[in-house]
Amino acid sequence: MNINKNIINIIKRNDTKFKKIKFMQDEQLKKEFFTSLKNYEFKLTEQSAYEIALWIESNEKHLSASQQNNFTKYSLGEILLVDLGWNNYDREFAYIHPAIVIKETATKIFIVPCSSGTPRRDKKGNIYPEFEVGTTIDGFQRNTVVMLYEAKYIDKNRVISRLGKTSNHFFDRIYNKLFEQIFEPIHYKMKKLENNQ
């Protein structure tokens, strides 16, 4: 079912007016909303039972956290269980996963999500640089893949529980690898300066 994008665009262009109106008061928008909801329902019916269980869990967490404010202090290297949400694009990490705290603000944390899966390897068997593998020695309960390319800020309301803390050595390793990947040109210049000394 197609959405009438003209109606959506009119509302977006007149944001001052429409921010003051509940959407159920606008009959045209109400129709587009229920059409979009029906489209989403069709998409969900194609998912596995496991995916729907994750979707329900994440959706309920989101609804219950929407009126809360989490100002808890988290330490760098702390391993948390977080809900990354259900409304992500296909290749983005979603649902509930462990994550490592890299940086913190009053209401947000910059995290690197983890997975129990296996890291991607090249033809020679080497792990791609966007992954790091942590073990029990590094502070994990079991071998864990750290997904460096999924690093991002999340709201602290996404935190479910505390799981532990990485070793200082492992935290430094992933912190440095993140720096290398995010600031590759700067990292390259710094390495060049080090080698010239």
C-alpha atoms as a PDB file:
ATOM      1  CA  MET A   1       0.000   0.000   0.000  1.00  0.00           C
ATOM      2  CA  ASN A   2       1.401   3.363  -1.040  1.00  0.00           C
ATOM      3  CA  ILE A   3       1.814   6.365   1.220  1.00  0.00           C
ATOM      4  CA  ASN A   4       0.731   9.794  -0.026  1.00  0.00           C
ATOM      5  CA  LYS A   5       4.078  11.581   0.375  1.00  0.00           C
ATOM      6  CA  ASN A   6       2.523  14.948  -0.518  1.00  0.00           C
ATOM      7  CA  ILE A   7       0.605  14.931   2.766  1.00  0.00           C
ATOM      8  CA  ILE A   8       3.763  14.064   4.706  1.00  0.00           C
ATOM      9  CA  ASN A   9       5.709  16.847   2.957  1.00  0.00           C
ATOM     10  CA  ILE A  10       2.982  19.457   3.614  1.00  0.00           C
ATOM     11  CA  ILE A  11       3.086  18.634   7.326  1.00  0.00           C
ATOM     12  CA  LYS A  12       6.897  18.758   7.421  1.00  0.00           C
ATOM     13  CA  ARG A  13       6.915  22.160   5.668  1.00  0.00           C
ATOM     14  CA  ASN A  14       4.366  23.495   8.191  1.00  0.00           C
ATOM     15  CA  ASP A  15       6.070  22.101  11.262  1.00  0.00           C
ATOM     16  CA  THR A  16       5.190  25.051  13.544  1.00  0.00           C
ATOM     17  CA  LYS A  17       1.476  24.478  12.991  1.00  0.00           C
ATOM     18  CA  PHE A  18       1.503  20.681  13.065  1.00  0.00           C
ATOM     19  CA  LYS A  19       3.697  20.323  16.156  1.00  0.00           C
ATOM     20  CA  LYS A  20       0.741  21.703  18.139  1.00  0.00           C
ATOM     21  CA  ILE A  21      -1.793  19.203  16.756  1.00  0.00           C
ATOM     22  CA  LYS A  22      -2.247  15.576  17.831  1.00  0.00           C
ATOM     23  CA  PHE A  23      -1.975  13.447  14.726  1.00  0.00           C
ATOM     24  CA  MET A  24      -5.386  11.802  15.337  1.00  0.00           C
ATOM     25  CA  GLN A  25      -6.969  15.240  14.746  1.00  0.00           C
ATOM     26  CA  ASP A  26      -5.722  15.258  11.156  1.00  0.00           C
ATOM     27  CA  GLU A  27      -7.828  12.826   9.121  1.00  0.00           C
ATOM     28  CA  GLN A  28      -5.440  12.699   6.154  1.00  0.00           C
ATOM     29  CA  LEU A  29      -2.389  12.004   8.291  1.00  0.00           C
ATOM     30  CA  LYS A  30      -4.330   9.449  10.345  1.00  0.00           C
ATOM     31  CA  LYS A  31      -5.084   7.539   7.123  1.00  0.00           C
ATOM     32  CA  GLU A  32      -1.378   7.620   6.094  1.00  0.00           C
ATOM     33  CA  PHE A  33      -0.322   6.482   9.564  1.00  0.00           C
ATOM     34  CA  PHE A  34      -2.581   3.422   9.520  1.00  0.00           C
ATOM     35  CA  THR A  35      -1.469   2.603   5.963  1.00  0.00           C
ATOM     36  CA  SER A  36       2.170   2.740   7.070  1.00  0.00           C
ATOM     37  CA  LEU A  37       1.365   0.630  10.144  1.00  0.00           C
ATOM     38  CA  LYS A  38      -0.314  -1.967   7.915  1.00  0.00           C
ATOM     39  CA  ASN A  39       2.770  -2.030   5.648  1.00  0.00           C
ATOM     40  CA  TYR A  40       4.925  -2.678   8.694  1.00  0.00           C
ATOM     41  CA  GLU A  41       2.574  -5.414   9.872  1.00  0.00           C
ATOM     42  CA  PHE A  42       2.968  -7.174   6.499  1.00  0.00           C
ATOM     43  CA  LYS A  43       6.761  -6.992   6.845  1.00  0.00           C
ATOM     44  CA  LEU A  44       6.660  -8.413  10.379  1.00  0.00           C
ATOM     45  CA  THR A  45       4.498 -11.396   9.382  1.00  0.00           C
ATOM     46  CA  GLU A  46       7.396 -12.605   7.205  1.00  0.00           C
ATOM     47  CA  GLN A  47       9.786 -12.797  10.201  1.00  0.00           C
ATOM     48  CA  SER A  48      10.694 -15.895  12.204  1.00  0.00           C
ATOM     49  CA  ALA A  49       9.200 -16.549  15.644  1.00  0.00           C
ATOM     50  CA  TYR A  50      12.634 -15.760  17.134  1.00  0.00           C
ATOM     51  CA  GLU A  51      12.792 -12.365  15.371  1.00  0.00           C
ATOM     52  CA  ILE A  52       9.282 -11.481  16.556  1.00  0.00           C
ATOM     53  CA  ALA A  53      10.145 -12.427  20.155  1.00  0.00           C
ATOM     54  CA  LEU A  54      13.145 -10.048  19.937  1.00  0.00           C
ATOM     55  CA  TRP A  55      10.951  -7.378  18.345  1.00  0.00           C
ATOM     56  CA  ILE A  56       8.354  -7.597  21.142  1.00  0.00           C
ATOM     57  CA  GLU A  57      11.029  -7.482  23.849  1.00  0.00           C
ATOM     58  CA  SER A  58      12.726  -4.447  22.274  1.00  0.00           C
ATOM     59  CA  ASN A  59       9.453  -2.655  21.609  1.00  0.00           C
ATOM     60  CA  GLU A  60       8.268  -3.102  25.207  1.00  0.00           C
ATOM     61  CA  LYS A  61      11.640  -1.880  26.516  1.00  0.00           C
ATOM     62  CA  HIS A  62      11.372   1.207  24.307  1.00  0.00           C
ATOM     63  CA  LEU A  63       7.820   1.974  25.474  1.00  0.00           C
ATOM     64  CA  SER A  64       8.691   1.567  29.157  1.00  0.00           C
ATOM     65  CA  ALA A  65      11.874   3.679  28.896  1.00  0.00           C
ATOM     66  CA  SER A  66      10.363   6.572  26.947  1.00  0.00           C
ATOM     67  CA  GLN A  67       9.339   8.456  30.114  1.00  0.00           C
ATOM     68  CA  GLN A  68      12.519   7.727  32.086  1.00  0.00           C
ATOM     69  CA  ASN A  69      15.831   9.519  32.486  1.00  0.00           C
ATOM     70  CA  ASN A  70      18.934   7.465  33.179  1.00  0.00           C
ATOM     71  CA  PHE A  71      21.807   9.532  34.603  1.00  0.00           C
ATOM     72  CA  THR A  72      23.749   6.533  35.918  1.00  0.00           C
ATOM     73  CA  LYS A  73      27.537   6.819  35.747  1.00  0.00           C
ATOM     74  CA  TYR A  74      29.262   4.088  33.746  1.00  0.00           C
ATOM     75  CA  SER A  75      32.997   3.551  33.735  1.00  0.00           C
ATOM     76  CA  LEU A  76      35.134   3.226  30.627  1.00  0.00           C
ATOM     77  CA  GLY A  77      35.567  -0.402  29.639  1.00  0.00           C
ATOM     78  CA  GLU A  78      32.403  -1.455  31.445  1.00  0.00           C
ATOM     79  CA  ILE A  79      30.446  -4.225  29.688  1.00  0.00           C
ATOM     80  CA  LEU A  80      26.708  -3.521  29.601  1.00  0.00           C
ATOM     81  CA  LEU A  81      23.696  -5.333  28.230  1.00  0.00           C
ATOM     82  CA  VAL A  82      21.962  -2.826  25.932  1.00  0.00           C
ATOM     83  CA  ASP A  83      18.930  -2.743  23.669  1.00  0.00           C
ATOM     84  CA  LEU A  84      19.985  -1.368  20.273  1.00  0.00           C
ATOM     85  CA  GLY A  85      16.376  -1.186  19.105  1.00  0.00           C
ATOM     86  CA  TRP A  86      14.299  -2.974  16.512  1.00  0.00           C
ATOM     87  CA  ASN A  87      13.776  -0.227  13.948  1.00  0.00           C
ATOM     88  CA  ASN A  88      17.205  -0.500  12.318  1.00  0.00           C
ATOM     89  CA  TYR A  89      18.223  -1.030   8.731  1.00  0.00           C
ATOM     90  CA  ASP A  90      19.066  -4.606   7.734  1.00  0.00           C
ATOM     91  CA  ARG A  91      22.846  -4.412   8.104  1.00  0.00           C
ATOM     92  CA  GLU A  92      22.767  -2.422  11.353  1.00  0.00           C
ATOM     93  CA  PHE A  93      23.119  -4.217  14.660  1.00  0.00           C
ATOM     94  CA  ALA A  94      19.737  -4.524  16.405  1.00  0.00           C
ATOM     95  CA  TYR A  95      18.063  -5.920  19.513  1.00  0.00           C
ATOM     96  CA  ILE A  96      19.790  -6.832  22.777  1.00  0.00           C
ATOM     97  CA  HIS A  97      23.570  -7.271  22.922  1.00  0.00           C
ATOM     98  CA  PRO A  98      26.496  -6.756  25.278  1.00  0.00           C
ATOM     99  CA  ALA A  99      28.426  -3.547  24.604  1.00  0.00           C
ATOM    100  CA  ILE A 100      31.600  -1.902  25.878  1.00  0.00           C
ATOM    101  CA  VAL A 101      31.522   1.695  27.148  1.00  0.00           C
ATOM    102  CA  ILE A 102      34.126   3.837  25.354  1.00  0.00           C
ATOM    103  CA  LYS A 103      32.955   7.318  26.429  1.00  0.00           C
ATOM    104  CA  GLU A 104      30.173   8.807  28.509  1.00  0.00           C
ATOM    105  CA  THR A 105      28.149  12.023  28.733  1.00  0.00           C
ATOM    106  CA  ALA A 106      25.344  12.841  31.191  1.00  0.00           C
ATOM    107  CA  THR A 107      22.649  11.047  29.167  1.00  0.00           C
ATOM    108  CA  LYS A 108      24.515   9.093  26.468  1.00  0.00           C
ATOM    109  CA  ILE A 109      27.298   6.533  26.151  1.00  0.00           C
ATOM    110  CA  PHE A 110      29.532   5.793  23.192  1.00  0.00           C
ATOM    111  CA  ILE A 111      29.589   2.007  22.930  1.00  0.00           C
ATOM    112  CA  VAL A 112      30.987  -0.804  20.844  1.00  0.00           C
ATOM    113  CA  PRO A 113      28.470  -3.663  20.532  1.00  0.00           C
ATOM    114  CA  CYS A 114      29.525  -7.299  20.928  1.00  0.00           C
ATOM    115  CA  SER A 115      28.297 -10.602  19.515  1.00  0.00           C
ATOM    116  CA  SER A 116      28.678 -14.295  20.233  1.00  0.00           C
ATOM    117  CA  GLY A 117      29.056 -14.908  16.478  1.00  0.00           C
ATOM    118  CA  THR A 118      32.278 -15.441  14.595  1.00  0.00           C
ATOM    119  CA  PRO A 119      34.315 -12.596  13.077  1.00  0.00           C
ATOM    120  CA  ARG A 120      34.705 -12.282   9.308  1.00  0.00           C
ATOM    121  CA  ARG A 121      38.063 -13.463   7.971  1.00  0.00           C
ATOM    122  CA  ASP A 122      39.948 -12.859   4.738  1.00  0.00           C
ATOM    123  CA  LYS A 123      41.135 -15.632   2.407  1.00  0.00           C
ATOM    124  CA  LYS A 124      44.274 -16.113   4.494  1.00  0.00           C
ATOM    125  CA  GLY A 125      42.215 -16.627   7.660  1.00  0.00           C
ATOM    126  CA  ASN A 126      43.070 -13.261   9.199  1.00  0.00           C
ATOM    127  CA  ILE A 127      40.302 -11.460  11.107  1.00  0.00           C
ATOM    128  CA  TYR A 128      39.195  -8.235   9.407  1.00  0.00           C
ATOM    129  CA  PRO A 129      40.368  -5.075  11.235  1.00  0.00           C
ATOM    130  CA  GLU A 130      36.805  -4.008  12.095  1.00  0.00           C
ATOM    131  CA  PHE A 131      36.540  -6.934  14.527  1.00  0.00           C
ATOM    132  CA  GLU A 132      38.322  -7.758  17.761  1.00  0.00           C
ATOM    133  CA  VAL A 133      37.930 -10.988  19.721  1.00  0.00           C
ATOM    134  CA  GLY A 134      37.711 -10.871  23.509  1.00  0.00           C
ATOM    135  CA  THR A 135      38.158 -13.856  25.827  1.00  0.00           C
ATOM    136  CA  THR A 136      37.570 -14.616  29.514  1.00  0.00           C
ATOM    137  CA  ILE A 137      41.052 -13.191  30.201  1.00  0.00           C
ATOM    138  CA  ASP A 138      39.836  -9.875  28.719  1.00  0.00           C
ATOM    139  CA  GLY A 139      36.809  -9.739  31.077  1.00  0.00           C
ATOM    140  CA  PHE A 140      34.115 -11.567  29.077  1.00  0.00           C
ATOM    141  CA  GLN A 141      32.051 -14.572  30.217  1.00  0.00           C
ATOM    142  CA  ARG A 142      32.874 -16.366  26.935  1.00  0.00           C
ATOM    143  CA  ASN A 143      34.667 -15.648  23.665  1.00  0.00           C
ATOM    144  CA  THR A 144      33.065 -12.509  22.274  1.00  0.00           C
ATOM    145  CA  VAL A 145      33.380 -10.634  18.979  1.00  0.00           C
ATOM    146  CA  VAL A 146      33.636  -6.855  19.346  1.00  0.00           C
ATOM    147  CA  MET A 147      32.030  -5.114  16.353  1.00  0.00           C
ATOM    148  CA  LEU A 148      34.195  -2.003  16.003  1.00  0.00           C
ATOM    149  CA  TYR A 149      32.363  -0.800  12.880  1.00  0.00           C
ATOM    150  CA  GLU A 150      29.090  -0.643  14.870  1.00  0.00           C
ATOM    151  CA  ALA A 151      30.432   1.846  17.455  1.00  0.00           C
ATOM    152  CA  LYS A 152      27.982   4.650  18.220  1.00  0.00           C
ATOM    153  CA  TYR A 153      26.367   6.848  20.840  1.00  0.00           C
ATOM    154  CA  ILE A 154      23.208   5.507  22.470  1.00  0.00           C
ATOM    155  CA  ASP A 155      20.851   6.922  25.079  1.00  0.00           C
ATOM    156  CA  LYS A 156      21.479   5.574  28.582  1.00  0.00           C
ATOM    157  CA  ASN A 157      17.829   4.446  28.684  1.00  0.00           C
ATOM    158  CA  ARG A 158      18.911   1.616  26.352  1.00  0.00           C
ATOM    159  CA  VAL A 159      20.971   0.042  29.162  1.00  0.00           C
ATOM    160  CA  ILE A 160      19.401  -3.093  30.652  1.00  0.00           C
ATOM    161  CA  SER A 161      22.075  -4.283  33.084  1.00  0.00           C
ATOM    162  CA  ARG A 162      25.762  -4.357  33.962  1.00  0.00           C
ATOM    163  CA  LEU A 163      27.736  -7.452  32.978  1.00  0.00           C
ATOM    164  CA  GLY A 164      31.330  -6.735  33.974  1.00  0.00           C
ATOM    165  CA  LYS A 165      34.406  -4.861  32.850  1.00  0.00           C
ATOM    166  CA  THR A 166      37.107  -5.424  30.248  1.00  0.00           C
ATOM    167  CA  SER A 167      40.731  -5.655  31.257  1.00  0.00           C
ATOM    168  CA  ASN A 168      42.673  -2.397  30.869  1.00  0.00           C
ATOM    169  CA  HIS A 169      44.863  -4.038  28.213  1.00  0.00           C
ATOM    170  CA  PHE A 170      41.841  -5.090  26.109  1.00  0.00           C
ATOM    171  CA  PHE A 171      40.155  -1.679  26.497  1.00  0.00           C
ATOM    172  CA  ASP A 172      43.325   0.060  25.271  1.00  0.00           C
ATOM    173  CA  ARG A 173      43.481  -2.315  22.309  1.00  0.00           C
ATOM    174  CA  ILE A 174      39.932  -1.631  21.114  1.00  0.00           C
ATOM    175  CA  TYR A 175      40.223   2.094  21.904  1.00  0.00           C
ATOM    176  CA  ASN A 176      43.344   2.335  19.718  1.00  0.00           C
ATOM    177  CA  LYS A 177      41.782   0.266  16.931  1.00  0.00           C
ATOM    178  CA  LEU A 178      38.722   2.529  16.962  1.00  0.00           C
ATOM    179  CA  PHE A 179      40.950   5.590  16.741  1.00  0.00           C
ATOM    180  CA  GLU A 180      42.802   4.016  13.797  1.00  0.00           C
ATOM    181  CA  GLN A 181      39.558   3.325  11.943  1.00  0.00           C
ATOM    182  CA  ILE A 182      37.687   6.545  12.674  1.00  0.00           C
ATOM    183  CA  PHE A 183      40.657   8.911  12.271  1.00  0.00           C
ATOM    184  CA  GLU A 184      42.677   6.960   9.725  1.00  0.00           C
ATOM    185  CA  PRO A 185      44.461   9.979   8.118  1.00  0.00           C
ATOM    186  CA  ILE A 186      45.432  11.395  11.543  1.00  0.00           C
ATOM    187  CA  HIS A 187      46.558   7.972  12.732  1.00  0.00           C
ATOM    188  CA  TYR A 188      48.683   7.585   9.595  1.00  0.00           C
ATOM    189  CA  LYS A 189      50.365  10.985  10.205  1.00  0.00           C
ATOM    190  CA  MET A 190      51.009  10.136  13.867  1.00  0.00           C
ATOM    191  CA  LYS A 191      52.604   6.806  12.928  1.00  0.00           C
ATOM    192  CA  LYS A 192      54.770   8.569  10.332  1.00  0.00           C
ATOM    193  CA  LEU A 193      55.952  11.091  12.943  1.00  0.00           C
ATOM    194  CA  GLU A 194      56.742   8.258  15.396  1.00  0.00           C
ATOM    195  CA  ASN A 195      58.803   6.422  12.754  1.00  0.00           C
ATOM    196  CA  ASN A 196      60.752   9.564  11.884  1.00  0.00           C
ATOM    197  CA  GLN A 197      61.881  10.136  15.476  1.00  0.00           C
END
